[in-house]
Amino acid sequence: MACKHYDCICYNPETESCDYIIIFGRRRGIPGDECHLCLHGFDEEHMPIIKGARPRLINQVVMKKMETVYSPDKQIRDMARESGFGKDKVIKWVKKVHPEFDNWGALSFR
């Protein structure tokens, strides 16, 4: 099952999976479909095994703003207009965070 914690530093957007074991060198101890971990940075309990490693940068402002404008009843162009982000960025975010979305009509800004 693909990881659904898009705002976690362990989420790998290329593989759509959790890289916890690669980053920290140990298992999460929680099955993927039950995972409640959503890390936003390193701490005493979560230190990377690679010296000098940095957490994946996640723009929390974008994540929160997209969640506030998202609605399954809205069209992509309306969400882009309300958020101030480009249509391509909105499409990418919706596909990742809300794969159930099916209101793809009127993708252009006529």
N, C-alpha and C. Protein backbone atom coordinates (compact mmCIF):
# COMPACT_ATOMS: atom_id res chain seq x y z
N MET A 1 0.84 -1.19 0.00
CA MET A 1 0.00 0.00 0.00
C MET A 1 0.88 1.24 0.00
N ALA A 2 0.53 2.19 -0.81
CA ALA A 2 1.28 3.44 -0.90
C ALA A 2 1.10 4.28 0.35
N CYS A 3 2.14 5.01 0.72
CA CYS A 3 2.09 5.89 1.89
C CYS A 3 1.16 7.05 1.61
N LYS A 4 0.38 7.45 2.62
CA LYS A 4 -0.56 8.56 2.49
C LYS A 4 -0.15 9.77 3.32
N HIS A 5 1.02 9.72 3.96
CA HIS A 5 1.49 10.85 4.77
C HIS A 5 2.38 11.74 3.89
N TYR A 6 1.75 12.50 3.01
CA TYR A 6 2.48 13.31 2.04
C TYR A 6 3.31 14.40 2.68
N ASP A 7 2.96 14.81 3.90
CA ASP A 7 3.70 15.88 4.56
C ASP A 7 4.73 15.34 5.55
N CYS A 8 5.04 14.06 5.48
CA CYS A 8 6.03 13.43 6.37
C CYS A 8 7.40 13.47 5.70
N ILE A 9 8.46 13.66 6.49
CA ILE A 9 9.81 13.70 5.93
C ILE A 9 10.23 12.34 5.38
N CYS A 10 9.56 11.28 5.76
CA CYS A 10 9.90 9.93 5.29
C CYS A 10 9.21 9.57 3.97
N TYR A 11 8.21 10.34 3.58
CA TYR A 11 7.49 10.05 2.35
C TYR A 11 8.39 10.30 1.14
N ASN A 12 8.43 9.34 0.24
CA ASN A 12 9.22 9.46 -0.98
C ASN A 12 8.26 9.65 -2.14
N PRO A 13 8.19 10.86 -2.71
CA PRO A 13 7.24 11.12 -3.78
C PRO A 13 7.51 10.33 -5.06
N GLU A 14 8.76 9.91 -5.26
CA GLU A 14 9.08 9.15 -6.47
C GLU A 14 8.54 7.73 -6.41
N THR A 15 8.60 7.11 -5.24
CA THR A 15 8.12 5.74 -5.10
C THR A 15 6.76 5.67 -4.42
N GLU A 16 6.28 6.82 -3.93
CA GLU A 16 5.02 6.90 -3.19
C GLU A 16 5.01 5.92 -2.02
N SER A 17 6.14 5.86 -1.33
CA SER A 17 6.28 4.94 -0.21
C SER A 17 7.01 5.62 0.94
N CYS A 18 7.07 4.91 2.04
CA CYS A 18 7.74 5.42 3.24
C CYS A 18 9.19 4.95 3.27
N ASP A 19 10.11 5.89 3.46
CA ASP A 19 11.53 5.57 3.54
C ASP A 19 12.05 5.56 4.97
N TYR A 20 11.18 5.32 5.94
CA TYR A 20 11.57 5.34 7.35
C TYR A 20 12.77 4.43 7.60
N ILE A 21 12.71 3.19 7.13
CA ILE A 21 13.78 2.23 7.39
C ILE A 21 15.10 2.67 6.75
N ILE A 22 15.03 3.34 5.59
CA ILE A 22 16.23 3.82 4.91
C ILE A 22 16.83 5.00 5.66
N ILE A 23 16.00 5.87 6.17
CA ILE A 23 16.47 7.08 6.86
C ILE A 23 16.99 6.78 8.26
N PHE A 24 16.23 5.95 9.01
CA PHE A 24 16.57 5.72 10.41
C PHE A 24 17.22 4.37 10.70
N GLY A 25 17.26 3.46 9.72
CA GLY A 25 17.94 2.18 9.89
C GLY A 25 17.21 1.19 10.76
N ARG A 26 15.93 1.39 10.95
CA ARG A 26 15.11 0.45 11.73
C ARG A 26 13.67 0.53 11.24
N ARG A 27 12.93 -0.51 11.56
CA ARG A 27 11.52 -0.55 11.17
C ARG A 27 10.70 0.41 12.02
N ARG A 28 9.58 0.86 11.46
CA ARG A 28 8.65 1.73 12.19
C ARG A 28 8.00 0.98 13.34
N GLY A 29 7.76 -0.31 13.14
CA GLY A 29 7.05 -1.10 14.13
C GLY A 29 5.54 -0.99 13.98
N ILE A 30 5.11 -0.39 12.90
CA ILE A 30 3.67 -0.18 12.64
C ILE A 30 3.42 -0.56 11.18
N PRO A 31 2.39 -1.38 10.92
CA PRO A 31 2.07 -1.69 9.52
C PRO A 31 1.72 -0.42 8.75
N GLY A 32 2.04 -0.40 7.46
CA GLY A 32 1.83 0.78 6.63
C GLY A 32 0.42 1.33 6.65
N ASP A 33 -0.59 0.45 6.62
CA ASP A 33 -1.96 0.94 6.59
C ASP A 33 -2.45 1.43 7.95
N GLU A 34 -1.65 1.21 9.00
CA GLU A 34 -2.01 1.68 10.34
C GLU A 34 -1.06 2.77 10.84
N CYS A 35 -0.12 3.18 10.01
CA CYS A 35 0.91 4.13 10.44
C CYS A 35 0.29 5.47 10.84
N HIS A 36 0.64 5.90 12.04
CA HIS A 36 0.19 7.20 12.54
C HIS A 36 1.35 8.19 12.64
N LEU A 37 2.56 7.71 12.32
CA LEU A 37 3.72 8.59 12.36
C LEU A 37 3.66 9.57 11.20
N CYS A 38 3.91 10.80 11.46
CA CYS A 38 4.01 11.81 10.41
C CYS A 38 5.05 12.81 10.92
N LEU A 39 6.29 12.55 10.56
CA LEU A 39 7.40 13.33 11.09
C LEU A 39 7.65 14.57 10.25
N HIS A 40 7.90 15.69 10.93
CA HIS A 40 8.18 16.94 10.23
C HIS A 40 9.62 17.39 10.44
N GLY A 41 10.38 16.59 11.16
CA GLY A 41 11.79 16.91 11.40
C GLY A 41 12.43 15.83 12.25
N PHE A 42 13.74 15.93 12.42
CA PHE A 42 14.46 14.98 13.26
C PHE A 42 14.36 15.41 14.71
N ASP A 43 14.39 14.43 15.62
CA ASP A 43 14.41 14.70 17.06
C ASP A 43 15.27 13.64 17.73
N GLU A 44 15.31 13.62 19.05
CA GLU A 44 16.16 12.67 19.77
C GLU A 44 15.80 11.22 19.44
N GLU A 45 14.54 10.93 19.28
CA GLU A 45 14.09 9.57 18.98
C GLU A 45 14.28 9.23 17.50
N HIS A 46 14.26 10.22 16.66
CA HIS A 46 14.34 10.01 15.22
C HIS A 46 15.53 10.76 14.63
N MET A 47 16.70 10.13 14.71
CA MET A 47 17.92 10.68 14.14
C MET A 47 18.35 9.81 12.97
N PRO A 48 18.70 10.42 11.84
CA PRO A 48 19.07 9.64 10.66
C PRO A 48 20.37 8.87 10.86
N ILE A 49 20.49 7.75 10.17
CA ILE A 49 21.72 6.96 10.29
C ILE A 49 22.86 7.54 9.45
N ILE A 50 22.54 8.39 8.50
CA ILE A 50 23.57 9.01 7.67
C ILE A 50 23.93 10.37 8.27
N LYS A 51 25.18 10.51 8.63
CA LYS A 51 25.66 11.74 9.25
C LYS A 51 25.46 12.92 8.30
N GLY A 52 24.90 13.99 8.80
CA GLY A 52 24.68 15.19 8.01
C GLY A 52 23.43 15.16 7.15
N ALA A 53 22.63 14.11 7.27
CA ALA A 53 21.39 14.03 6.48
C ALA A 53 20.43 15.13 6.91
N ARG A 54 19.68 15.62 5.95
CA ARG A 54 18.70 16.67 6.22
C ARG A 54 17.31 16.13 5.91
N PRO A 55 16.31 16.58 6.66
CA PRO A 55 14.95 16.12 6.35
C PRO A 55 14.47 16.68 5.02
N ARG A 56 13.61 15.94 4.37
CA ARG A 56 13.00 16.40 3.12
C ARG A 56 12.22 17.67 3.42
N LEU A 57 12.40 18.68 2.59
CA LEU A 57 11.70 19.94 2.80
C LEU A 57 10.26 19.84 2.31
N ILE A 58 9.34 20.22 3.15
CA ILE A 58 7.92 20.18 2.82
C ILE A 58 7.36 21.56 3.10
N ASN A 59 6.74 22.13 2.12
CA ASN A 59 6.16 23.45 2.29
C ASN A 59 4.79 23.30 2.95
N GLN A 60 4.76 23.44 4.26
CA GLN A 60 3.52 23.27 5.02
C GLN A 60 2.48 24.32 4.66
N VAL A 61 2.92 25.51 4.25
CA VAL A 61 1.99 26.56 3.85
C VAL A 61 1.18 26.11 2.64
N VAL A 62 1.89 25.53 1.66
CA VAL A 62 1.21 25.03 0.46
C VAL A 62 0.24 23.91 0.84
N MET A 63 0.71 22.97 1.66
CA MET A 63 -0.14 21.83 2.06
C MET A 63 -1.43 22.32 2.73
N LYS A 64 -1.30 23.26 3.67
CA LYS A 64 -2.47 23.75 4.39
C LYS A 64 -3.40 24.57 3.49
N LYS A 65 -2.81 25.40 2.65
CA LYS A 65 -3.62 26.22 1.77
C LYS A 65 -4.41 25.35 0.79
N MET A 66 -3.77 24.32 0.25
CA MET A 66 -4.47 23.43 -0.67
C MET A 66 -5.61 22.69 0.03
N GLU A 67 -5.39 22.28 1.26
CA GLU A 67 -6.46 21.60 2.01
C GLU A 67 -7.64 22.54 2.24
N THR A 68 -7.37 23.82 2.47
CA THR A 68 -8.48 24.75 2.73
C THR A 68 -9.30 25.03 1.48
N VAL A 69 -8.68 25.01 0.30
CA VAL A 69 -9.44 25.30 -0.93
C VAL A 69 -9.98 24.04 -1.58
N TYR A 70 -9.51 22.86 -1.16
CA TYR A 70 -9.95 21.62 -1.80
C TYR A 70 -11.41 21.29 -1.47
N SER A 71 -12.10 20.85 -2.48
CA SER A 71 -13.45 20.30 -2.33
C SER A 71 -13.68 19.37 -3.52
N PRO A 72 -14.24 18.19 -3.28
CA PRO A 72 -14.48 17.27 -4.40
C PRO A 72 -15.49 17.83 -5.40
N ASP A 73 -16.23 18.85 -5.00
CA ASP A 73 -17.22 19.46 -5.88
C ASP A 73 -16.63 20.57 -6.76
N LYS A 74 -15.43 21.04 -6.42
CA LYS A 74 -14.81 22.13 -7.18
C LYS A 74 -14.04 21.57 -8.37
N GLN A 75 -13.82 22.44 -9.35
CA GLN A 75 -12.98 22.07 -10.47
C GLN A 75 -11.56 22.56 -10.22
N ILE A 76 -10.62 21.96 -10.92
CA ILE A 76 -9.21 22.30 -10.75
C ILE A 76 -8.97 23.79 -10.95
N ARG A 77 -9.55 24.36 -11.97
CA ARG A 77 -9.32 25.79 -12.26
C ARG A 77 -9.77 26.67 -11.10
N ASP A 78 -10.87 26.29 -10.43
CA ASP A 78 -11.36 27.08 -9.30
C ASP A 78 -10.42 26.96 -8.10
N MET A 79 -9.93 25.74 -7.85
CA MET A 79 -8.98 25.56 -6.75
C MET A 79 -7.69 26.31 -7.02
N ALA A 80 -7.22 26.31 -8.27
CA ALA A 80 -6.01 27.05 -8.63
C ALA A 80 -6.21 28.54 -8.43
N ARG A 81 -7.34 29.03 -8.87
CA ARG A 81 -7.64 30.46 -8.72
C ARG A 81 -7.70 30.85 -7.25
N GLU A 82 -8.39 30.05 -6.44
CA GLU A 82 -8.54 30.38 -5.01
C GLU A 82 -7.23 30.25 -4.24
N SER A 83 -6.40 29.29 -4.61
CA SER A 83 -5.15 29.09 -3.88
C SER A 83 -4.04 30.03 -4.33
N GLY A 84 -4.13 30.47 -5.59
CA GLY A 84 -3.07 31.31 -6.14
C GLY A 84 -1.93 30.49 -6.72
N PHE A 85 -2.07 29.17 -6.75
CA PHE A 85 -1.05 28.28 -7.30
C PHE A 85 -1.41 27.94 -8.74
N GLY A 86 -0.43 27.54 -9.50
CA GLY A 86 -0.66 27.17 -10.89
C GLY A 86 -1.48 25.89 -11.00
N LYS A 87 -2.13 25.77 -12.14
CA LYS A 87 -2.98 24.61 -12.41
C LYS A 87 -2.19 23.30 -12.28
N ASP A 88 -0.94 23.27 -12.79
CA ASP A 88 -0.14 22.06 -12.74
C ASP A 88 0.18 21.64 -11.30
N LYS A 89 0.47 22.62 -10.45
CA LYS A 89 0.75 22.32 -9.05
C LYS A 89 -0.49 21.77 -8.35
N VAL A 90 -1.65 22.34 -8.65
CA VAL A 90 -2.91 21.88 -8.05
C VAL A 90 -3.22 20.46 -8.52
N ILE A 91 -3.05 20.20 -9.81
CA ILE A 91 -3.31 18.85 -10.34
C ILE A 91 -2.41 17.83 -9.66
N LYS A 92 -1.13 18.14 -9.55
CA LYS A 92 -0.18 17.22 -8.92
C LYS A 92 -0.57 16.95 -7.47
N TRP A 93 -0.93 18.01 -6.73
CA TRP A 93 -1.32 17.86 -5.32
C TRP A 93 -2.59 17.02 -5.20
N VAL A 94 -3.58 17.31 -6.01
CA VAL A 94 -4.86 16.58 -5.95
C VAL A 94 -4.63 15.10 -6.26
N LYS A 95 -3.84 14.80 -7.28
CA LYS A 95 -3.58 13.40 -7.63
C LYS A 95 -2.92 12.64 -6.49
N LYS A 96 -2.03 13.30 -5.77
CA LYS A 96 -1.32 12.64 -4.66
C LYS A 96 -2.17 12.53 -3.41
N VAL A 97 -2.80 13.63 -3.03
CA VAL A 97 -3.48 13.69 -1.73
C VAL A 97 -4.93 13.20 -1.80
N HIS A 98 -5.58 13.42 -2.92
CA HIS A 98 -6.99 13.01 -3.07
C HIS A 98 -7.17 12.21 -4.36
N PRO A 99 -6.61 10.99 -4.42
CA PRO A 99 -6.71 10.21 -5.66
C PRO A 99 -8.15 9.85 -6.03
N GLU A 100 -9.06 9.98 -5.10
CA GLU A 100 -10.47 9.68 -5.37
C GLU A 100 -11.16 10.80 -6.14
N PHE A 101 -10.51 11.95 -6.28
CA PHE A 101 -11.09 13.10 -6.96
C PHE A 101 -11.44 12.74 -8.40
N ASP A 102 -12.63 13.11 -8.84
CA ASP A 102 -13.03 12.78 -10.22
C ASP A 102 -13.67 13.94 -10.96
N ASN A 103 -13.52 15.15 -10.48
CA ASN A 103 -14.10 16.33 -11.13
C ASN A 103 -13.04 17.02 -11.98
N TRP A 104 -12.57 16.35 -13.04
CA TRP A 104 -11.46 16.85 -13.83
C TRP A 104 -11.91 17.77 -14.97
N GLY A 105 -13.15 18.07 -15.07
CA GLY A 105 -13.65 18.92 -16.16
C GLY A 105 -13.08 20.32 -16.12
N ALA A 106 -13.02 20.95 -17.27
CA ALA A 106 -12.60 22.35 -17.43
C ALA A 106 -11.24 22.62 -16.79
N LEU A 107 -10.22 21.94 -17.28
CA LEU A 107 -8.88 22.13 -16.75
C LEU A 107 -8.22 23.42 -17.23
N SER A 108 -8.75 24.02 -18.27
CA SER A 108 -8.11 25.24 -18.78
C SER A 108 -8.72 26.49 -18.15
N PHE A 109 -8.02 27.61 -18.29
CA PHE A 109 -8.46 28.90 -17.74
C PHE A 109 -9.05 29.76 -18.86
N ARG A 110 -10.08 29.33 -19.47
CA ARG A 110 -10.68 30.09 -20.58
C ARG A 110 -11.24 31.40 -20.14
